[in-house]
Amino acid sequence: MASYEKEVKELIEKGGELPKKLDIPMLKYFWQSSPLARGGINSIPRFLRKIMVLKNFTENELRILSKYMHVRKFAESEAIFRQGDLGIGLYFVYSGHVDVIVEQDSLINPSEEELPKARHVLSLEKFDYFGELALLQDDSERNASVVAREGCVLLGVFKPDLDELINDYPIVATKFLQSVSIIITNRLFSITLEVRNLKFKIAQLEGEIERAKTQ
């Protein structure tokens, strides 16, 4: 079964319309973003305000950005995208959880009967985000699969949405691209730290092996 993102990409390639965008009327948006609004804690405006990489947006800029987003509910075990798919969007976890899974072949040249093994890497929850490289890279290949766990709701921004935002609201688009850049920079920094720690552990292990040889 095709992933959600692959279905959307096929729609784009065929010249079809994207899924319906989120379009909250202005007065309703500002009311839901107000601390005075009853039941507004779980509203999309309040949700966007709590995403750290969007903290420099004004309320009106968040409202504009929300008009270029799509909301989608995913059933348990439904694939948002699969490893190897060509990515087209960035996603925010509005509710529920998603699992990030890396497919690993059990053999170098597995037979048809030998299915690839899946390794769970991490789980993402409300206010987390993923898929950002697809907005900046053409034909960005997904390096992992992302699957809904126990159902979830995501907000997505696709490449055509970003292109439209750039044309319609260049200032908001610039701030959004800055936010995407921050996400990528933070992930790169985390990877750099992990590689450094891994090198240190390898050096320690090599030292212990050498000491063991001389005893």
N, C-alpha and C. Protein backbone atom coordinates (compact mmCIF):
# COMPACT_ATOMS: atom_id res chain seq x y z
N MET A 1 0.84 -1.20 0.00
CA MET A 1 0.00 0.00 0.00
C MET A 1 0.88 1.26 0.00
N ALA A 2 0.55 2.19 -0.88
CA ALA A 2 1.35 3.41 -1.01
C ALA A 2 1.22 4.28 0.23
N SER A 3 2.29 5.00 0.55
CA SER A 3 2.25 5.91 1.68
C SER A 3 1.44 7.15 1.32
N TYR A 4 1.05 7.88 2.35
CA TYR A 4 0.30 9.13 2.16
C TYR A 4 1.09 10.09 1.28
N GLU A 5 2.38 10.28 1.57
CA GLU A 5 3.17 11.24 0.82
C GLU A 5 3.33 10.83 -0.64
N LYS A 6 3.47 9.54 -0.88
CA LYS A 6 3.60 9.07 -2.27
C LYS A 6 2.33 9.35 -3.05
N GLU A 7 1.18 9.19 -2.40
CA GLU A 7 -0.10 9.49 -3.06
C GLU A 7 -0.19 10.98 -3.39
N VAL A 8 0.25 11.83 -2.46
CA VAL A 8 0.22 13.28 -2.69
C VAL A 8 1.16 13.65 -3.83
N LYS A 9 2.35 13.05 -3.85
CA LYS A 9 3.33 13.34 -4.91
C LYS A 9 2.78 12.95 -6.27
N GLU A 10 2.10 11.82 -6.34
CA GLU A 10 1.50 11.38 -7.61
C GLU A 10 0.43 12.36 -8.07
N LEU A 11 -0.34 12.90 -7.12
CA LEU A 11 -1.34 13.92 -7.44
C LEU A 11 -0.68 15.14 -8.07
N ILE A 12 0.43 15.58 -7.47
CA ILE A 12 1.14 16.75 -7.97
C ILE A 12 1.66 16.51 -9.38
N GLU A 13 2.25 15.33 -9.59
CA GLU A 13 2.82 15.00 -10.89
C GLU A 13 1.76 14.93 -11.98
N LYS A 14 0.55 14.55 -11.61
CA LYS A 14 -0.56 14.45 -12.58
C LYS A 14 -1.28 15.79 -12.75
N GLY A 15 -0.82 16.81 -12.03
CA GLY A 15 -1.45 18.12 -12.14
C GLY A 15 -2.75 18.24 -11.37
N GLY A 16 -2.98 17.31 -10.45
CA GLY A 16 -4.20 17.35 -9.64
C GLY A 16 -4.08 18.32 -8.48
N GLU A 17 -5.17 18.50 -7.77
CA GLU A 17 -5.18 19.41 -6.63
C GLU A 17 -4.64 18.72 -5.39
N LEU A 18 -3.92 19.49 -4.58
CA LEU A 18 -3.45 18.99 -3.30
C LEU A 18 -4.63 18.80 -2.36
N PRO A 19 -4.44 18.01 -1.29
CA PRO A 19 -5.51 17.91 -0.28
C PRO A 19 -5.90 19.31 0.21
N LYS A 20 -7.11 19.44 0.67
CA LYS A 20 -7.62 20.75 1.09
C LYS A 20 -6.75 21.36 2.18
N LYS A 21 -6.47 22.65 2.02
CA LYS A 21 -5.64 23.35 3.01
C LYS A 21 -6.47 23.71 4.24
N LEU A 22 -5.75 23.88 5.32
CA LEU A 22 -6.35 24.36 6.56
C LEU A 22 -6.69 25.84 6.36
N ASP A 23 -7.94 26.22 6.59
CA ASP A 23 -8.33 27.61 6.36
C ASP A 23 -9.25 28.06 7.50
N ILE A 24 -8.65 28.56 8.56
CA ILE A 24 -9.41 29.04 9.72
C ILE A 24 -9.73 30.51 9.51
N PRO A 25 -11.00 30.92 9.57
CA PRO A 25 -11.35 32.34 9.41
C PRO A 25 -10.58 33.21 10.40
N MET A 26 -10.27 34.44 9.99
CA MET A 26 -9.41 35.31 10.78
C MET A 26 -9.89 35.50 12.21
N LEU A 27 -11.16 35.86 12.39
CA LEU A 27 -11.68 36.11 13.73
C LEU A 27 -11.62 34.85 14.59
N LYS A 28 -11.96 33.71 14.00
CA LYS A 28 -11.92 32.46 14.72
C LYS A 28 -10.49 32.12 15.12
N TYR A 29 -9.54 32.37 14.21
CA TYR A 29 -8.13 32.07 14.51
C TYR A 29 -7.67 32.87 15.72
N PHE A 30 -7.91 34.18 15.70
CA PHE A 30 -7.44 35.02 16.80
C PHE A 30 -8.17 34.73 18.10
N TRP A 31 -9.43 34.33 18.01
CA TRP A 31 -10.15 33.95 19.22
C TRP A 31 -9.57 32.67 19.82
N GLN A 32 -9.30 31.68 18.97
CA GLN A 32 -8.74 30.42 19.45
C GLN A 32 -7.32 30.59 19.99
N SER A 33 -6.61 31.59 19.49
CA SER A 33 -5.25 31.83 19.98
C SER A 33 -5.24 32.59 21.30
N SER A 34 -6.39 33.13 21.69
CA SER A 34 -6.46 33.90 22.93
C SER A 34 -6.52 33.00 24.15
N PRO A 35 -5.83 33.37 25.23
CA PRO A 35 -5.90 32.59 26.47
C PRO A 35 -7.29 32.58 27.09
N LEU A 36 -8.15 33.52 26.64
CA LEU A 36 -9.50 33.62 27.17
C LEU A 36 -10.46 32.61 26.53
N ALA A 37 -10.05 32.03 25.41
CA ALA A 37 -10.94 31.13 24.69
C ALA A 37 -11.08 29.80 25.43
N ARG A 38 -12.32 29.44 25.77
CA ARG A 38 -12.56 28.16 26.43
C ARG A 38 -12.31 27.02 25.46
N GLY A 39 -11.63 26.01 25.94
CA GLY A 39 -11.35 24.86 25.07
C GLY A 39 -10.30 25.16 24.02
N GLY A 40 -9.65 26.32 24.12
CA GLY A 40 -8.68 26.70 23.10
C GLY A 40 -7.30 26.11 23.30
N ILE A 41 -7.10 25.40 24.40
CA ILE A 41 -5.78 24.85 24.72
C ILE A 41 -5.29 23.92 23.60
N ASN A 42 -6.21 23.13 23.05
CA ASN A 42 -5.83 22.17 22.02
C ASN A 42 -6.11 22.67 20.61
N SER A 43 -6.33 23.98 20.45
CA SER A 43 -6.61 24.53 19.13
C SER A 43 -5.32 24.61 18.31
N ILE A 44 -5.47 24.65 17.00
CA ILE A 44 -4.31 24.75 16.11
C ILE A 44 -3.54 26.06 16.34
N PRO A 45 -4.22 27.22 16.50
CA PRO A 45 -3.47 28.45 16.79
C PRO A 45 -2.59 28.35 18.04
N ARG A 46 -3.12 27.77 19.11
CA ARG A 46 -2.32 27.62 20.34
C ARG A 46 -1.19 26.61 20.13
N PHE A 47 -1.47 25.60 19.34
CA PHE A 47 -0.46 24.59 19.03
C PHE A 47 0.72 25.22 18.30
N LEU A 48 0.44 26.01 17.25
CA LEU A 48 1.51 26.63 16.48
C LEU A 48 2.34 27.58 17.33
N ARG A 49 1.69 28.27 18.26
CA ARG A 49 2.39 29.21 19.11
C ARG A 49 3.39 28.50 20.03
N LYS A 50 3.17 27.22 20.33
CA LYS A 50 4.03 26.48 21.25
C LYS A 50 5.17 25.76 20.55
N ILE A 51 5.24 25.84 19.22
CA ILE A 51 6.35 25.23 18.50
C ILE A 51 7.54 26.17 18.56
N MET A 52 8.62 25.73 19.17
CA MET A 52 9.76 26.60 19.47
C MET A 52 10.37 27.24 18.22
N VAL A 53 10.46 26.49 17.12
CA VAL A 53 11.10 27.04 15.92
C VAL A 53 10.23 28.09 15.23
N LEU A 54 8.99 28.26 15.70
CA LEU A 54 8.10 29.29 15.14
C LEU A 54 7.88 30.43 16.14
N LYS A 55 8.73 30.50 17.16
CA LYS A 55 8.51 31.46 18.24
C LYS A 55 8.66 32.91 17.79
N ASN A 56 9.38 33.17 16.70
CA ASN A 56 9.59 34.54 16.24
C ASN A 56 8.48 35.05 15.31
N PHE A 57 7.46 34.21 15.08
CA PHE A 57 6.33 34.61 14.25
C PHE A 57 5.34 35.42 15.10
N THR A 58 4.74 36.45 14.49
CA THR A 58 3.62 37.13 15.14
C THR A 58 2.39 36.25 14.99
N GLU A 59 1.33 36.58 15.71
CA GLU A 59 0.09 35.79 15.60
C GLU A 59 -0.45 35.86 14.18
N ASN A 60 -0.38 37.02 13.55
CA ASN A 60 -0.90 37.13 12.18
C ASN A 60 -0.05 36.35 11.20
N GLU A 61 1.28 36.32 11.42
CA GLU A 61 2.15 35.53 10.55
C GLU A 61 1.88 34.03 10.71
N LEU A 62 1.60 33.60 11.92
CA LEU A 62 1.23 32.19 12.13
C LEU A 62 -0.09 31.88 11.44
N ARG A 63 -1.02 32.83 11.50
CA ARG A 63 -2.31 32.64 10.84
C ARG A 63 -2.12 32.48 9.34
N ILE A 64 -1.26 33.33 8.76
CA ILE A 64 -0.98 33.23 7.33
C ILE A 64 -0.33 31.90 7.00
N LEU A 65 0.66 31.50 7.80
CA LEU A 65 1.34 30.23 7.57
C LEU A 65 0.37 29.06 7.64
N SER A 66 -0.57 29.11 8.58
CA SER A 66 -1.53 28.02 8.74
C SER A 66 -2.39 27.81 7.49
N LYS A 67 -2.58 28.88 6.71
CA LYS A 67 -3.40 28.78 5.49
C LYS A 67 -2.73 27.94 4.42
N TYR A 68 -1.45 27.66 4.59
CA TYR A 68 -0.71 26.86 3.62
C TYR A 68 -0.39 25.47 4.16
N MET A 69 -1.11 25.09 5.22
CA MET A 69 -0.92 23.78 5.84
C MET A 69 -2.11 22.87 5.54
N HIS A 70 -1.84 21.59 5.65
CA HIS A 70 -2.88 20.57 5.48
C HIS A 70 -2.97 19.76 6.77
N VAL A 71 -4.17 19.44 7.18
CA VAL A 71 -4.35 18.62 8.38
C VAL A 71 -4.84 17.25 7.95
N ARG A 72 -4.29 16.21 8.56
CA ARG A 72 -4.64 14.84 8.17
C ARG A 72 -4.58 13.93 9.38
N LYS A 73 -5.63 13.12 9.56
CA LYS A 73 -5.65 12.12 10.62
C LYS A 73 -5.21 10.78 10.05
N PHE A 74 -4.28 10.13 10.73
CA PHE A 74 -3.74 8.85 10.28
C PHE A 74 -4.17 7.73 11.21
N ALA A 75 -4.54 6.62 10.62
CA ALA A 75 -4.93 5.45 11.40
C ALA A 75 -3.69 4.74 11.93
N GLU A 76 -3.88 3.89 12.91
CA GLU A 76 -2.76 3.13 13.49
C GLU A 76 -2.03 2.34 12.40
N SER A 77 -0.71 2.44 12.39
CA SER A 77 0.19 1.73 11.46
C SER A 77 0.15 2.28 10.03
N GLU A 78 -0.57 3.36 9.81
CA GLU A 78 -0.59 3.96 8.47
C GLU A 78 0.72 4.69 8.22
N ALA A 79 1.26 4.53 7.01
CA ALA A 79 2.55 5.13 6.67
C ALA A 79 2.38 6.56 6.17
N ILE A 80 3.09 7.48 6.80
CA ILE A 80 3.13 8.86 6.31
C ILE A 80 4.04 8.88 5.08
N PHE A 81 5.24 8.34 5.22
CA PHE A 81 6.08 8.06 4.06
C PHE A 81 6.97 6.87 4.39
N ARG A 82 7.53 6.29 3.32
CA ARG A 82 8.36 5.10 3.48
C ARG A 82 9.80 5.40 3.05
N GLN A 83 10.72 4.66 3.63
CA GLN A 83 12.13 4.80 3.27
C GLN A 83 12.29 4.61 1.77
N GLY A 84 13.00 5.54 1.14
CA GLY A 84 13.19 5.46 -0.31
C GLY A 84 12.23 6.32 -1.09
N ASP A 85 11.11 6.73 -0.48
CA ASP A 85 10.18 7.65 -1.15
C ASP A 85 10.86 8.98 -1.41
N LEU A 86 10.44 9.67 -2.46
CA LEU A 86 10.93 11.02 -2.70
C LEU A 86 10.07 11.99 -1.88
N GLY A 87 10.70 12.71 -0.98
CA GLY A 87 9.97 13.55 -0.04
C GLY A 87 9.47 14.85 -0.66
N ILE A 88 8.35 15.33 -0.13
CA ILE A 88 7.80 16.61 -0.62
C ILE A 88 7.29 17.49 0.51
N GLY A 89 7.39 17.03 1.77
CA GLY A 89 6.78 17.84 2.83
C GLY A 89 7.43 17.77 4.19
N LEU A 90 7.11 18.78 4.99
CA LEU A 90 7.47 18.87 6.41
C LEU A 90 6.20 18.65 7.22
N TYR A 91 6.31 17.93 8.33
CA TYR A 91 5.14 17.60 9.14
C TYR A 91 5.35 18.00 10.59
N PHE A 92 4.27 18.49 11.22
CA PHE A 92 4.24 18.77 12.65
C PHE A 92 3.27 17.79 13.29
N VAL A 93 3.65 17.20 14.41
CA VAL A 93 2.78 16.26 15.11
C VAL A 93 1.81 17.06 15.99
N TYR A 94 0.56 17.10 15.57
CA TYR A 94 -0.47 17.86 16.29
C TYR A 94 -1.03 17.07 17.46
N SER A 95 -1.17 15.76 17.27
CA SER A 95 -1.60 14.87 18.36
C SER A 95 -1.15 13.45 18.06
N GLY A 96 -1.04 12.64 19.11
CA GLY A 96 -0.62 11.26 18.95
C GLY A 96 0.88 11.11 18.83
N HIS A 97 1.30 9.97 18.27
CA HIS A 97 2.72 9.65 18.13
C HIS A 97 2.98 9.05 16.76
N VAL A 98 4.21 9.22 16.28
CA VAL A 98 4.67 8.52 15.08
C VAL A 98 5.98 7.82 15.42
N ASP A 99 6.24 6.71 14.74
CA ASP A 99 7.48 5.97 14.91
C ASP A 99 8.35 6.15 13.68
N VAL A 100 9.63 6.41 13.90
CA VAL A 100 10.62 6.49 12.82
C VAL A 100 11.33 5.15 12.74
N ILE A 101 11.30 4.52 11.57
CA ILE A 101 11.80 3.16 11.40
C ILE A 101 12.77 3.10 10.22
N VAL A 102 13.91 2.47 10.45
CA VAL A 102 14.90 2.28 9.39
C VAL A 102 14.86 0.82 8.95
N GLU A 103 14.71 0.62 7.64
CA GLU A 103 14.70 -0.73 7.09
C GLU A 103 16.14 -1.21 6.91
N GLN A 104 16.44 -2.42 7.38
CA GLN A 104 17.79 -2.98 7.26
C GLN A 104 17.71 -4.37 6.66
N ASP A 105 18.39 -4.56 5.54
CA ASP A 105 18.42 -5.89 4.92
C ASP A 105 19.19 -6.86 5.79
N SER A 106 18.66 -8.06 5.95
CA SER A 106 19.31 -9.07 6.77
C SER A 106 20.55 -9.64 6.10
N LEU A 107 20.59 -9.59 4.76
CA LEU A 107 21.76 -10.09 4.02
C LEU A 107 22.14 -9.06 2.95
N ILE A 108 23.36 -9.20 2.43
CA ILE A 108 23.80 -8.28 1.39
C ILE A 108 22.94 -8.46 0.14
N ASN A 109 22.69 -9.70 -0.21
CA ASN A 109 21.83 -9.99 -1.37
C ASN A 109 20.69 -10.90 -0.93
N PRO A 110 19.69 -10.35 -0.25
CA PRO A 110 18.61 -11.20 0.28
C PRO A 110 17.75 -11.80 -0.82
N SER A 111 17.25 -12.99 -0.57
CA SER A 111 16.32 -13.61 -1.51
C SER A 111 14.94 -13.02 -1.31
N GLU A 112 14.01 -13.39 -2.19
CA GLU A 112 12.65 -12.84 -2.10
C GLU A 112 11.96 -13.26 -0.81
N GLU A 113 12.37 -14.44 -0.29
CA GLU A 113 11.73 -14.93 0.93
C GLU A 113 12.23 -14.21 2.17
N GLU A 114 13.39 -13.59 2.07
CA GLU A 114 14.00 -12.95 3.24
C GLU A 114 13.64 -11.47 3.26
N LEU A 115 12.70 -11.13 4.12
CA LEU A 115 12.23 -9.76 4.19
C LEU A 115 13.23 -8.89 4.94
N PRO A 116 13.30 -7.59 4.59
CA PRO A 116 14.21 -6.70 5.31
C PRO A 116 13.77 -6.52 6.76
N LYS A 117 14.74 -6.41 7.65
CA LYS A 117 14.43 -6.19 9.05
C LYS A 117 14.17 -4.71 9.28
N ALA A 118 13.31 -4.39 10.23
CA ALA A 118 13.02 -3.00 10.56
C ALA A 118 13.57 -2.68 11.95
N ARG A 119 14.23 -1.52 12.05
CA ARG A 119 14.80 -1.12 13.34
C ARG A 119 14.14 0.19 13.78
N HIS A 120 13.47 0.14 14.93
CA HIS A 120 12.83 1.34 15.46
C HIS A 120 13.90 2.30 15.97
N VAL A 121 13.89 3.52 15.46
CA VAL A 121 14.92 4.50 15.81
C VAL A 121 14.44 5.40 16.95
N LEU A 122 13.28 6.01 16.78
CA LEU A 122 12.73 6.86 17.83
C LEU A 122 11.26 7.11 17.58
N SER A 123 10.59 7.64 18.60
CA SER A 123 9.18 8.02 18.48
C SER A 123 9.08 9.54 18.64
N LEU A 124 8.17 10.13 17.89
CA LEU A 124 7.93 11.57 17.96
C LEU A 124 6.52 11.81 18.47
N GLU A 125 6.36 12.89 19.24
CA GLU A 125 5.06 13.19 19.84
C GLU A 125 4.66 14.63 19.56
N LYS A 126 3.60 15.09 20.22
CA LYS A 126 3.06 16.42 19.99
C LYS A 126 4.16 17.49 20.08
N PHE A 127 4.12 18.42 19.12
CA PHE A 127 5.07 19.54 18.97
C PHE A 127 6.37 19.13 18.28
N ASP A 128 6.57 17.83 18.01
CA ASP A 128 7.75 17.43 17.24
C ASP A 128 7.48 17.63 15.75
N TYR A 129 8.54 17.56 14.95
CA TYR A 129 8.42 17.78 13.51
C TYR A 129 9.44 16.91 12.79
N PHE A 130 9.16 16.65 11.51
CA PHE A 130 10.06 15.78 10.73
C PHE A 130 9.83 16.02 9.24
N GLY A 131 10.81 15.61 8.43
CA GLY A 131 10.68 15.69 6.97
C GLY A 131 11.14 17.00 6.36
N GLU A 132 11.84 17.84 7.13
CA GLU A 132 12.16 19.21 6.70
C GLU A 132 13.05 19.30 5.45
N LEU A 133 13.94 18.33 5.23
CA LEU A 133 14.85 18.41 4.08
C LEU A 133 14.10 18.44 2.75
N ALA A 134 12.93 17.85 2.71
CA ALA A 134 12.16 17.77 1.47
C ALA A 134 11.73 19.15 0.96
N LEU A 135 11.66 20.14 1.87
CA LEU A 135 11.27 21.48 1.45
C LEU A 135 12.42 22.23 0.78
N LEU A 136 13.66 21.80 1.05
CA LEU A 136 14.82 22.52 0.52
C LEU A 136 15.54 21.76 -0.59
N GLN A 137 15.36 20.45 -0.63
CA GLN A 137 16.04 19.61 -1.61
C GLN A 137 15.07 19.08 -2.63
N ASP A 138 15.42 19.18 -3.91
CA ASP A 138 14.62 18.53 -4.95
C ASP A 138 14.93 17.04 -4.95
N ASP A 139 13.90 16.23 -5.11
CA ASP A 139 14.06 14.77 -5.14
C ASP A 139 14.82 14.27 -3.93
N SER A 140 14.45 14.77 -2.76
CA SER A 140 15.07 14.33 -1.51
C SER A 140 14.52 12.96 -1.14
N GLU A 141 15.41 11.96 -1.06
CA GLU A 141 14.98 10.60 -0.76
C GLU A 141 14.87 10.38 0.74
N ARG A 142 13.74 9.88 1.19
CA ARG A 142 13.55 9.63 2.62
C ARG A 142 14.50 8.52 3.08
N ASN A 143 15.22 8.79 4.17
CA ASN A 143 16.18 7.80 4.68
C ASN A 143 15.60 6.94 5.80
N ALA A 144 14.30 7.08 6.04
CA ALA A 144 13.61 6.25 7.04
C ALA A 144 12.11 6.27 6.74
N SER A 145 11.40 5.33 7.31
CA SER A 145 9.94 5.31 7.21
C SER A 145 9.36 5.95 8.47
N VAL A 146 8.23 6.63 8.30
CA VAL A 146 7.52 7.19 9.46
C VAL A 146 6.10 6.65 9.44
N VAL A 147 5.71 6.03 10.55
CA VAL A 147 4.43 5.32 10.63
C VAL A 147 3.65 5.81 11.85
N ALA A 148 2.35 5.98 11.69
CA ALA A 148 1.50 6.41 12.81
C ALA A 148 1.41 5.31 13.85
N ARG A 149 1.47 5.73 15.12
CA ARG A 149 1.32 4.77 16.22
C ARG A 149 0.05 5.10 16.98
N GLU A 150 -0.89 4.16 17.02
CA GLU A 150 -2.17 4.33 17.71
C GLU A 150 -2.96 5.53 17.18
N GLY A 151 -2.73 5.87 15.93
CA GLY A 151 -3.43 7.00 15.32
C GLY A 151 -2.78 8.32 15.71
N CYS A 152 -2.79 9.27 14.78
CA CYS A 152 -2.22 10.59 15.07
C CYS A 152 -2.80 11.60 14.09
N VAL A 153 -2.60 12.88 14.41
CA VAL A 153 -3.01 13.96 13.52
C VAL A 153 -1.77 14.80 13.22
N LEU A 154 -1.53 15.06 11.93
CA LEU A 154 -0.37 15.83 11.51
C LEU A 154 -0.78 17.07 10.74
N LEU A 155 0.02 18.10 10.85
CA LEU A 155 -0.10 19.28 9.99
C LEU A 155 1.07 19.22 9.01
N GLY A 156 0.79 19.34 7.72
CA GLY A 156 1.84 19.23 6.71
C GLY A 156 1.95 20.46 5.84
N VAL A 157 3.17 20.76 5.42
CA VAL A 157 3.43 21.80 4.43
C VAL A 157 4.21 21.14 3.29
N PHE A 158 3.65 21.18 2.08
CA PHE A 158 4.31 20.55 0.94
C PHE A 158 5.08 21.59 0.12
N LYS A 159 6.00 21.09 -0.72
CA LYS A 159 6.83 21.98 -1.54
C LYS A 159 5.99 22.97 -2.35
N PRO A 160 4.93 22.55 -3.03
CA PRO A 160 4.12 23.53 -3.77
C PRO A 160 3.50 24.60 -2.86
N ASP A 161 3.16 24.22 -1.61
CA ASP A 161 2.63 25.20 -0.65
C ASP A 161 3.68 26.26 -0.35
N LEU A 162 4.93 25.82 -0.16
CA LEU A 162 6.01 26.75 0.13
C LEU A 162 6.24 27.70 -1.05
N ASP A 163 6.22 27.15 -2.26
CA ASP A 163 6.40 27.98 -3.46
C ASP A 163 5.30 29.04 -3.53
N GLU A 164 4.07 28.63 -3.22
CA GLU A 164 2.94 29.56 -3.23
C GLU A 164 3.09 30.62 -2.14
N LEU A 165 3.54 30.20 -0.96
CA LEU A 165 3.75 31.13 0.14
C LEU A 165 4.82 32.16 -0.21
N ILE A 166 5.88 31.72 -0.89
CA ILE A 166 6.95 32.64 -1.30
C ILE A 166 6.40 33.72 -2.23
N ASN A 167 5.51 33.33 -3.13
CA ASN A 167 4.93 34.29 -4.07
C ASN A 167 3.95 35.24 -3.40
N ASP A 168 3.15 34.69 -2.46
CA ASP A 168 2.07 35.48 -1.85
C ASP A 168 2.55 36.31 -0.67
N TYR A 169 3.36 35.72 0.19
CA TYR A 169 3.81 36.38 1.42
C TYR A 169 5.31 36.14 1.61
N PRO A 170 6.15 36.84 0.86
CA PRO A 170 7.60 36.58 0.92
C PRO A 170 8.22 36.76 2.30
N ILE A 171 7.71 37.69 3.10
CA ILE A 171 8.28 37.90 4.44
C ILE A 171 7.99 36.70 5.34
N VAL A 172 6.74 36.23 5.31
CA VAL A 172 6.38 35.05 6.10
C VAL A 172 7.15 33.83 5.61
N ALA A 173 7.30 33.71 4.28
CA ALA A 173 8.05 32.59 3.71
C ALA A 173 9.50 32.61 4.16
N THR A 174 10.09 33.81 4.21
CA THR A 174 11.48 33.95 4.64
C THR A 174 11.64 33.49 6.10
N LYS A 175 10.71 33.89 6.95
CA LYS A 175 10.78 33.49 8.35
C LYS A 175 10.58 31.98 8.50
N PHE A 176 9.71 31.43 7.67
CA PHE A 176 9.49 29.98 7.72
C PHE A 176 10.73 29.23 7.26
N LEU A 177 11.38 29.71 6.20
CA LEU A 177 12.61 29.08 5.72
C LEU A 177 13.72 29.19 6.77
N GLN A 178 13.75 30.29 7.51
CA GLN A 178 14.70 30.42 8.61
C GLN A 178 14.43 29.36 9.68
N SER A 179 13.15 29.11 9.95
CA SER A 179 12.78 28.09 10.94
C SER A 179 13.20 26.71 10.47
N VAL A 180 12.99 26.43 9.18
CA VAL A 180 13.41 25.13 8.62
C VAL A 180 14.93 24.99 8.71
N SER A 181 15.64 26.07 8.45
CA SER A 181 17.10 26.05 8.55
C SER A 181 17.56 25.76 9.98
N ILE A 182 16.85 26.34 10.96
CA ILE A 182 17.16 26.09 12.37
C ILE A 182 16.97 24.61 12.71
N ILE A 183 15.88 24.03 12.21
CA ILE A 183 15.61 22.61 12.45
C ILE A 183 16.77 21.76 11.92
N ILE A 184 17.19 22.05 10.68
CA ILE A 184 18.27 21.28 10.05
C ILE A 184 19.58 21.47 10.80
N THR A 185 19.86 22.73 11.21
CA THR A 185 21.09 23.01 11.96
C THR A 185 21.11 22.27 13.29
N ASN A 186 19.98 22.27 13.99
CA ASN A 186 19.90 21.57 15.28
C ASN A 186 20.12 20.07 15.10
N ARG A 187 19.54 19.50 14.05
CA ARG A 187 19.72 18.07 13.82
C ARG A 187 21.17 17.76 13.47
N LEU A 188 21.80 18.62 12.67
CA LEU A 188 23.19 18.42 12.30
C LEU A 188 24.09 18.50 13.53
N PHE A 189 23.79 19.44 14.43
CA PHE A 189 24.56 19.58 15.66
C PHE A 189 24.44 18.32 16.51
N SER A 190 23.22 17.78 16.61
CA SER A 190 23.00 16.56 17.39
C SER A 190 23.76 15.38 16.80
N ILE A 191 23.76 15.28 15.47
CA ILE A 191 24.49 14.19 14.81
C ILE A 191 25.99 14.33 15.05
N THR A 192 26.49 15.58 14.98
CA THR A 192 27.92 15.83 15.21
C THR A 192 28.33 15.39 16.61
N LEU A 193 27.48 15.70 17.60
CA LEU A 193 27.77 15.27 18.98
C LEU A 193 27.79 13.76 19.10
N GLU A 194 26.82 13.11 18.44
CA GLU A 194 26.75 11.65 18.51
C GLU A 194 27.99 11.02 17.88
N VAL A 195 28.42 11.56 16.73
CA VAL A 195 29.62 11.04 16.06
C VAL A 195 30.85 11.24 16.94
N ARG A 196 30.94 12.41 17.59
CA ARG A 196 32.08 12.69 18.48
C ARG A 196 32.11 11.71 19.65
N ASN A 197 30.95 11.47 20.25
CA ASN A 197 30.88 10.52 21.37
C ASN A 197 31.22 9.11 20.93
N LEU A 198 30.75 8.78 19.72
CA LEU A 198 31.03 7.44 19.18
C LEU A 198 32.53 7.26 18.94
N LYS A 199 33.19 8.28 18.38
CA LYS A 199 34.64 8.21 18.15
C LYS A 199 35.39 8.06 19.47
N PHE A 200 34.93 8.78 20.50
CA PHE A 200 35.57 8.68 21.81
C PHE A 200 35.44 7.27 22.38
N LYS A 201 34.25 6.67 22.25
CA LYS A 201 34.03 5.32 22.76
C LYS A 201 34.88 4.30 21.99
N ILE A 202 34.99 4.51 20.66
CA ILE A 202 35.81 3.61 19.84
C ILE A 202 37.28 3.70 20.25
N ALA A 203 37.75 4.94 20.49
CA ALA A 203 39.13 5.14 20.92
C ALA A 203 39.39 4.47 22.26
N GLN A 204 38.42 4.58 23.17
CA GLN A 204 38.54 3.93 24.48
C GLN A 204 38.64 2.41 24.32
N LEU A 205 37.77 1.86 23.46
CA LEU A 205 37.73 0.42 23.24
C LEU A 205 39.03 -0.07 22.62
N GLU A 206 39.54 0.69 21.64
CA GLU A 206 40.80 0.32 21.01
C GLU A 206 41.94 0.33 22.02
N GLY A 207 41.93 1.33 22.94
CA GLY A 207 42.94 1.41 23.97
C GLY A 207 42.89 0.22 24.91
N GLU A 208 41.68 -0.21 25.28
CA GLU A 208 41.52 -1.37 26.16
C GLU A 208 42.01 -2.63 25.47
N ILE A 209 41.79 -2.75 24.16
CA ILE A 209 42.23 -3.94 23.41
C ILE A 209 43.75 -3.99 23.37
N GLU A 210 44.36 -2.81 23.13
CA GLU A 210 45.83 -2.76 23.07
C GLU A 210 46.46 -3.09 24.42
N ARG A 211 45.84 -2.58 25.50
CA ARG A 211 46.35 -2.88 26.85
C ARG A 211 46.23 -4.37 27.16
N ALA A 212 45.12 -4.96 26.71
CA ALA A 212 44.89 -6.38 26.94
C ALA A 212 45.93 -7.24 26.21
N LYS A 213 46.37 -6.76 25.03
CA LYS A 213 47.37 -7.50 24.26
C LYS A 213 48.73 -7.51 24.92
N THR A 214 49.04 -6.41 25.62
CA THR A 214 50.38 -6.29 26.25
C THR A 214 50.46 -6.98 27.59
N GLN A 215 49.34 -7.42 28.14
CA GLN A 215 49.35 -8.08 29.46
C GLN A 215 49.69 -9.57 29.32
